Amino acid sequence: MKRLTQKEEEVMTILWDLETAFINDILEKMEAPRPPYNTVSSIVRKLEAEGLIDHESFGKTYRYYPVLKKEDYRANVFRNLMDNFFDNSPAALLSYFVKEENIAPEELNKLLEEIKKKPD
């Protein structure tokens, strides 16, 4: 799966949140300055052509919904991130967040507890 563009991710995020939406619904949720209707429509058609979303017909109007699950996309993005920037090392990724993003000790402890709970 290829990485989506910023605008494609924005449209997908809106669809994941709304579950179903018309183009105008998507436009309403986009941050200003909002792109033109035709631009959003083109992005939606491209995502549909790639099989990431689908639609229901209501006459000449379409209501779109995501086919790609948010969890699947997130997992793919993180796999690529780890492969390309952290030499496939979860420890290097976690170290980055601790050192560069100033993760709070309480958050780190929560993560460690989750790691301990994870079944083998």
N, C-alpha and C. Protein backbone atom coordinates (compact mmCIF):
# COMPACT_ATOMS: atom_id res chain seq x y z
N MET A 1 0.85 -1.18 0.00
CA MET A 1 0.00 0.00 0.00
C MET A 1 0.89 1.24 0.00
N LYS A 2 0.56 2.17 -0.89
CA LYS A 2 1.36 3.39 -0.95
C LYS A 2 0.87 4.40 0.09
N ARG A 3 1.76 5.28 0.43
CA ARG A 3 1.43 6.35 1.38
C ARG A 3 0.52 7.36 0.68
N LEU A 4 -0.51 7.79 1.35
CA LEU A 4 -1.44 8.77 0.80
C LEU A 4 -0.84 10.17 0.89
N THR A 5 -1.30 11.04 0.01
CA THR A 5 -0.89 12.44 0.10
C THR A 5 -1.57 13.07 1.32
N GLN A 6 -1.14 14.26 1.67
CA GLN A 6 -1.72 14.95 2.82
C GLN A 6 -3.22 15.17 2.64
N LYS A 7 -3.65 15.59 1.47
CA LYS A 7 -5.07 15.83 1.22
C LYS A 7 -5.85 14.51 1.20
N GLU A 8 -5.25 13.46 0.64
CA GLU A 8 -5.91 12.15 0.66
C GLU A 8 -6.08 11.66 2.09
N GLU A 9 -5.04 11.83 2.91
CA GLU A 9 -5.15 11.45 4.32
C GLU A 9 -6.23 12.26 5.03
N GLU A 10 -6.32 13.54 4.70
CA GLU A 10 -7.34 14.39 5.31
C GLU A 10 -8.75 13.87 4.96
N VAL A 11 -8.96 13.53 3.70
CA VAL A 11 -10.26 13.00 3.27
C VAL A 11 -10.54 11.66 3.95
N MET A 12 -9.54 10.79 4.00
CA MET A 12 -9.74 9.49 4.64
C MET A 12 -10.03 9.65 6.13
N THR A 13 -9.35 10.55 6.80
CA THR A 13 -9.57 10.79 8.23
C THR A 13 -11.01 11.26 8.47
N ILE A 14 -11.48 12.14 7.61
CA ILE A 14 -12.86 12.61 7.73
C ILE A 14 -13.83 11.45 7.52
N LEU A 15 -13.58 10.63 6.51
CA LEU A 15 -14.46 9.48 6.26
C LEU A 15 -14.41 8.47 7.41
N TRP A 16 -13.24 8.25 7.98
CA TRP A 16 -13.14 7.35 9.13
C TRP A 16 -13.96 7.90 10.30
N ASP A 17 -13.93 9.20 10.48
CA ASP A 17 -14.68 9.81 11.59
C ASP A 17 -16.18 9.80 11.33
N LEU A 18 -16.58 10.15 10.12
CA LEU A 18 -18.01 10.25 9.81
C LEU A 18 -18.64 8.90 9.44
N GLU A 19 -17.83 7.97 8.98
CA GLU A 19 -18.24 6.64 8.52
C GLU A 19 -18.89 6.67 7.14
N THR A 20 -19.78 7.60 6.86
CA THR A 20 -20.32 7.83 5.52
C THR A 20 -20.45 9.33 5.33
N ALA A 21 -20.25 9.79 4.08
CA ALA A 21 -20.32 11.23 3.84
C ALA A 21 -20.50 11.53 2.36
N PHE A 22 -21.22 12.62 2.10
CA PHE A 22 -21.30 13.20 0.77
C PHE A 22 -20.12 14.15 0.63
N ILE A 23 -19.82 14.57 -0.59
CA ILE A 23 -18.70 15.49 -0.81
C ILE A 23 -18.85 16.75 0.04
N ASN A 24 -20.06 17.30 0.11
CA ASN A 24 -20.27 18.51 0.92
C ASN A 24 -19.98 18.27 2.40
N ASP A 25 -20.29 17.06 2.90
CA ASP A 25 -19.98 16.73 4.30
C ASP A 25 -18.47 16.74 4.53
N ILE A 26 -17.75 16.20 3.57
CA ILE A 26 -16.28 16.18 3.66
C ILE A 26 -15.75 17.61 3.65
N LEU A 27 -16.25 18.40 2.72
CA LEU A 27 -15.82 19.81 2.62
C LEU A 27 -16.05 20.57 3.91
N GLU A 28 -17.20 20.36 4.54
CA GLU A 28 -17.51 21.06 5.79
C GLU A 28 -16.52 20.75 6.90
N LYS A 29 -15.96 19.53 6.90
CA LYS A 29 -15.03 19.12 7.96
C LYS A 29 -13.58 19.52 7.68
N MET A 30 -13.30 19.96 6.46
CA MET A 30 -11.93 20.33 6.10
C MET A 30 -11.57 21.68 6.70
N GLU A 31 -10.29 21.81 7.02
CA GLU A 31 -9.81 23.06 7.60
C GLU A 31 -9.69 24.13 6.52
N ALA A 32 -9.88 25.36 6.94
CA ALA A 32 -9.75 26.50 6.02
C ALA A 32 -8.27 26.73 5.72
N PRO A 33 -7.95 27.16 4.56
CA PRO A 33 -8.84 27.42 3.44
C PRO A 33 -9.25 26.10 2.77
N ARG A 34 -10.53 25.93 2.59
CA ARG A 34 -11.05 24.71 2.00
C ARG A 34 -10.79 24.69 0.50
N PRO A 35 -10.46 23.52 -0.02
CA PRO A 35 -10.28 23.42 -1.47
C PRO A 35 -11.63 23.50 -2.18
N PRO A 36 -11.63 23.74 -3.48
CA PRO A 36 -12.88 23.76 -4.23
C PRO A 36 -13.56 22.38 -4.23
N TYR A 37 -14.85 22.39 -4.40
CA TYR A 37 -15.66 21.17 -4.45
C TYR A 37 -15.06 20.17 -5.44
N ASN A 38 -14.73 20.64 -6.64
CA ASN A 38 -14.21 19.75 -7.69
C ASN A 38 -12.89 19.09 -7.29
N THR A 39 -12.08 19.78 -6.52
CA THR A 39 -10.82 19.20 -6.06
C THR A 39 -11.08 18.05 -5.10
N VAL A 40 -11.99 18.25 -4.17
CA VAL A 40 -12.33 17.19 -3.21
C VAL A 40 -12.97 16.02 -3.95
N SER A 41 -13.83 16.34 -4.89
CA SER A 41 -14.47 15.29 -5.70
C SER A 41 -13.43 14.46 -6.45
N SER A 42 -12.42 15.12 -6.99
CA SER A 42 -11.34 14.40 -7.70
C SER A 42 -10.56 13.50 -6.75
N ILE A 43 -10.27 13.99 -5.56
CA ILE A 43 -9.55 13.19 -4.56
C ILE A 43 -10.38 11.96 -4.19
N VAL A 44 -11.67 12.17 -3.99
CA VAL A 44 -12.56 11.06 -3.62
C VAL A 44 -12.61 10.03 -4.75
N ARG A 45 -12.74 10.49 -5.99
CA ARG A 45 -12.78 9.55 -7.13
C ARG A 45 -11.48 8.77 -7.24
N LYS A 46 -10.35 9.42 -6.98
CA LYS A 46 -9.05 8.74 -7.03
C LYS A 46 -8.97 7.68 -5.94
N LEU A 47 -9.39 8.03 -4.72
CA LEU A 47 -9.38 7.07 -3.62
C LEU A 47 -10.29 5.89 -3.92
N GLU A 48 -11.42 6.17 -4.57
CA GLU A 48 -12.34 5.10 -4.94
C GLU A 48 -11.73 4.21 -6.02
N ALA A 49 -11.07 4.81 -7.00
CA ALA A 49 -10.42 4.03 -8.07
C ALA A 49 -9.34 3.12 -7.50
N GLU A 50 -8.71 3.54 -6.41
CA GLU A 50 -7.67 2.73 -5.77
C GLU A 50 -8.26 1.69 -4.81
N GLY A 51 -9.59 1.69 -4.66
CA GLY A 51 -10.24 0.70 -3.81
C GLY A 51 -10.21 1.02 -2.33
N LEU A 52 -9.90 2.26 -1.99
CA LEU A 52 -9.79 2.64 -0.58
C LEU A 52 -11.12 3.12 0.00
N ILE A 53 -12.00 3.59 -0.88
CA ILE A 53 -13.36 3.96 -0.47
C ILE A 53 -14.33 3.42 -1.52
N ASP A 54 -15.60 3.43 -1.17
CA ASP A 54 -16.66 3.02 -2.09
C ASP A 54 -17.84 3.95 -1.89
N HIS A 55 -18.91 3.73 -2.63
CA HIS A 55 -20.05 4.64 -2.51
C HIS A 55 -21.38 3.90 -2.62
N GLU A 56 -22.39 4.58 -2.12
CA GLU A 56 -23.78 4.18 -2.30
C GLU A 56 -24.41 5.25 -3.18
N SER A 57 -25.24 4.82 -4.13
CA SER A 57 -25.89 5.77 -5.04
C SER A 57 -27.26 6.18 -4.52
N PHE A 58 -27.53 7.45 -4.64
CA PHE A 58 -28.84 8.02 -4.36
C PHE A 58 -29.20 8.88 -5.56
N GLY A 59 -29.67 8.24 -6.62
CA GLY A 59 -29.89 8.95 -7.87
C GLY A 59 -28.55 9.36 -8.45
N LYS A 60 -28.38 10.65 -8.66
CA LYS A 60 -27.11 11.15 -9.21
C LYS A 60 -26.13 11.56 -8.11
N THR A 61 -26.51 11.32 -6.87
CA THR A 61 -25.68 11.70 -5.73
C THR A 61 -25.06 10.46 -5.12
N TYR A 62 -23.83 10.59 -4.64
CA TYR A 62 -23.13 9.46 -4.04
C TYR A 62 -22.76 9.77 -2.60
N ARG A 63 -22.94 8.77 -1.76
CA ARG A 63 -22.49 8.85 -0.37
C ARG A 63 -21.33 7.87 -0.25
N TYR A 64 -20.20 8.37 0.22
CA TYR A 64 -18.95 7.60 0.26
C TYR A 64 -18.70 7.03 1.65
N TYR A 65 -17.98 5.92 1.67
CA TYR A 65 -17.59 5.30 2.93
C TYR A 65 -16.23 4.64 2.75
N PRO A 66 -15.44 4.55 3.82
CA PRO A 66 -14.11 3.95 3.70
C PRO A 66 -14.17 2.43 3.60
N VAL A 67 -13.34 1.90 2.75
CA VAL A 67 -13.14 0.45 2.66
C VAL A 67 -11.87 0.11 3.46
N LEU A 68 -10.85 0.95 3.29
CA LEU A 68 -9.60 0.80 4.04
C LEU A 68 -9.85 1.15 5.50
N LYS A 69 -9.47 0.27 6.38
CA LYS A 69 -9.63 0.52 7.81
C LYS A 69 -8.48 1.41 8.30
N LYS A 70 -8.84 2.32 9.20
CA LYS A 70 -7.86 3.24 9.77
C LYS A 70 -6.70 2.47 10.42
N GLU A 71 -7.02 1.41 11.13
CA GLU A 71 -6.01 0.62 11.83
C GLU A 71 -5.03 -0.02 10.84
N ASP A 72 -5.52 -0.46 9.68
CA ASP A 72 -4.65 -1.07 8.67
C ASP A 72 -3.72 -0.02 8.07
N TYR A 73 -4.26 1.17 7.79
CA TYR A 73 -3.42 2.23 7.23
C TYR A 73 -2.36 2.67 8.24
N ARG A 74 -2.78 2.85 9.49
CA ARG A 74 -1.85 3.26 10.55
C ARG A 74 -0.72 2.24 10.69
N ALA A 75 -1.06 0.96 10.69
CA ALA A 75 -0.04 -0.09 10.83
C ALA A 75 0.94 -0.04 9.66
N ASN A 76 0.43 0.18 8.46
CA ASN A 76 1.29 0.26 7.28
C ASN A 76 2.22 1.47 7.35
N VAL A 77 1.68 2.62 7.76
CA VAL A 77 2.50 3.84 7.87
C VAL A 77 3.60 3.64 8.91
N PHE A 78 3.25 3.05 10.06
CA PHE A 78 4.26 2.85 11.10
C PHE A 78 5.31 1.82 10.68
N ARG A 79 4.89 0.77 9.96
CA ARG A 79 5.87 -0.20 9.47
C ARG A 79 6.87 0.50 8.56
N ASN A 80 6.36 1.33 7.63
CA ASN A 80 7.24 2.06 6.72
C ASN A 80 8.13 3.04 7.47
N LEU A 81 7.58 3.72 8.46
CA LEU A 81 8.34 4.65 9.28
C LEU A 81 9.49 3.93 9.99
N MET A 82 9.17 2.80 10.60
CA MET A 82 10.21 2.04 11.30
C MET A 82 11.27 1.53 10.33
N ASP A 83 10.84 1.02 9.18
CA ASP A 83 11.79 0.50 8.20
C ASP A 83 12.70 1.60 7.66
N ASN A 84 12.11 2.74 7.31
CA ASN A 84 12.86 3.78 6.61
C ASN A 84 13.65 4.72 7.51
N PHE A 85 13.21 4.92 8.75
CA PHE A 85 13.86 5.91 9.60
C PHE A 85 14.46 5.36 10.89
N PHE A 86 14.06 4.14 11.26
CA PHE A 86 14.52 3.59 12.54
C PHE A 86 15.10 2.18 12.39
N ASP A 87 15.55 1.85 11.18
CA ASP A 87 16.21 0.56 10.90
C ASP A 87 15.43 -0.62 11.45
N ASN A 88 14.11 -0.54 11.34
CA ASN A 88 13.21 -1.61 11.79
C ASN A 88 13.38 -1.94 13.27
N SER A 89 13.69 -0.93 14.06
CA SER A 89 13.94 -1.12 15.48
C SER A 89 12.88 -0.40 16.32
N PRO A 90 11.98 -1.15 16.98
CA PRO A 90 11.03 -0.50 17.88
C PRO A 90 11.73 0.27 18.99
N ALA A 91 12.87 -0.22 19.44
CA ALA A 91 13.61 0.47 20.50
C ALA A 91 14.08 1.84 20.01
N ALA A 92 14.55 1.91 18.77
CA ALA A 92 15.00 3.20 18.22
C ALA A 92 13.82 4.16 18.09
N LEU A 93 12.66 3.65 17.69
CA LEU A 93 11.47 4.48 17.58
C LEU A 93 11.06 5.01 18.95
N LEU A 94 11.01 4.15 19.95
CA LEU A 94 10.64 4.57 21.30
C LEU A 94 11.68 5.55 21.86
N SER A 95 12.94 5.29 21.59
CA SER A 95 14.00 6.17 22.05
C SER A 95 13.83 7.57 21.45
N TYR A 96 13.44 7.62 20.20
CA TYR A 96 13.19 8.92 19.55
C TYR A 96 12.12 9.68 20.32
N PHE A 97 11.00 9.03 20.63
CA PHE A 97 9.93 9.71 21.33
C PHE A 97 10.36 10.17 22.72
N VAL A 98 11.17 9.37 23.38
CA VAL A 98 11.63 9.74 24.72
C VAL A 98 12.57 10.94 24.65
N LYS A 99 13.53 10.89 23.72
CA LYS A 99 14.55 11.94 23.65
C LYS A 99 14.09 13.19 22.90
N GLU A 100 13.42 13.02 21.78
CA GLU A 100 13.11 14.15 20.91
C GLU A 100 11.73 14.75 21.14
N GLU A 101 10.79 13.95 21.55
CA GLU A 101 9.42 14.43 21.71
C GLU A 101 9.07 14.65 23.18
N ASN A 102 10.05 14.46 24.04
CA ASN A 102 9.88 14.71 25.48
C ASN A 102 8.65 14.02 26.06
N ILE A 103 8.54 12.74 25.79
CA ILE A 103 7.41 11.99 26.32
C ILE A 103 7.49 12.00 27.85
N ALA A 104 6.37 12.22 28.48
CA ALA A 104 6.32 12.31 29.94
C ALA A 104 6.60 10.94 30.56
N PRO A 105 7.27 10.92 31.71
CA PRO A 105 7.56 9.64 32.37
C PRO A 105 6.30 8.82 32.63
N GLU A 106 5.20 9.49 32.95
CA GLU A 106 3.95 8.76 33.20
C GLU A 106 3.49 8.03 31.94
N GLU A 107 3.63 8.69 30.80
CA GLU A 107 3.24 8.07 29.52
C GLU A 107 4.16 6.89 29.22
N LEU A 108 5.43 7.06 29.48
CA LEU A 108 6.39 5.98 29.26
C LEU A 108 6.06 4.78 30.15
N ASN A 109 5.70 5.04 31.39
CA ASN A 109 5.31 3.95 32.29
C ASN A 109 4.06 3.24 31.79
N LYS A 110 3.10 3.98 31.24
CA LYS A 110 1.90 3.37 30.66
C LYS A 110 2.28 2.45 29.50
N LEU A 111 3.19 2.94 28.66
CA LEU A 111 3.64 2.12 27.53
C LEU A 111 4.33 0.85 28.01
N LEU A 112 5.16 0.98 29.01
CA LEU A 112 5.86 -0.19 29.55
C LEU A 112 4.86 -1.21 30.12
N GLU A 113 3.83 -0.72 30.77
CA GLU A 113 2.79 -1.62 31.30
C GLU A 113 2.07 -2.34 30.16
N GLU A 114 1.80 -1.63 29.09
CA GLU A 114 1.15 -2.25 27.92
C GLU A 114 2.05 -3.32 27.31
N ILE A 115 3.33 -3.04 27.25
CA ILE A 115 4.29 -4.02 26.71
C ILE A 115 4.30 -5.26 27.58
N LYS A 116 4.28 -5.07 28.89
CA LYS A 116 4.29 -6.22 29.81
C LYS A 116 3.01 -7.06 29.68
N LYS A 117 1.88 -6.42 29.39
CA LYS A 117 0.61 -7.12 29.27
C LYS A 117 0.48 -7.89 27.98
N LYS A 118 1.24 -7.49 26.94
CA LYS A 118 1.10 -8.07 25.62
C LYS A 118 1.41 -9.57 25.68
N PRO A 119 0.48 -10.39 25.14
CA PRO A 119 0.75 -11.84 25.11
C PRO A 119 1.83 -12.16 24.10
N ASP A 120 2.61 -13.17 24.38
CA ASP A 120 3.69 -13.58 23.46
C ASP A 120 3.16 -14.31 22.27
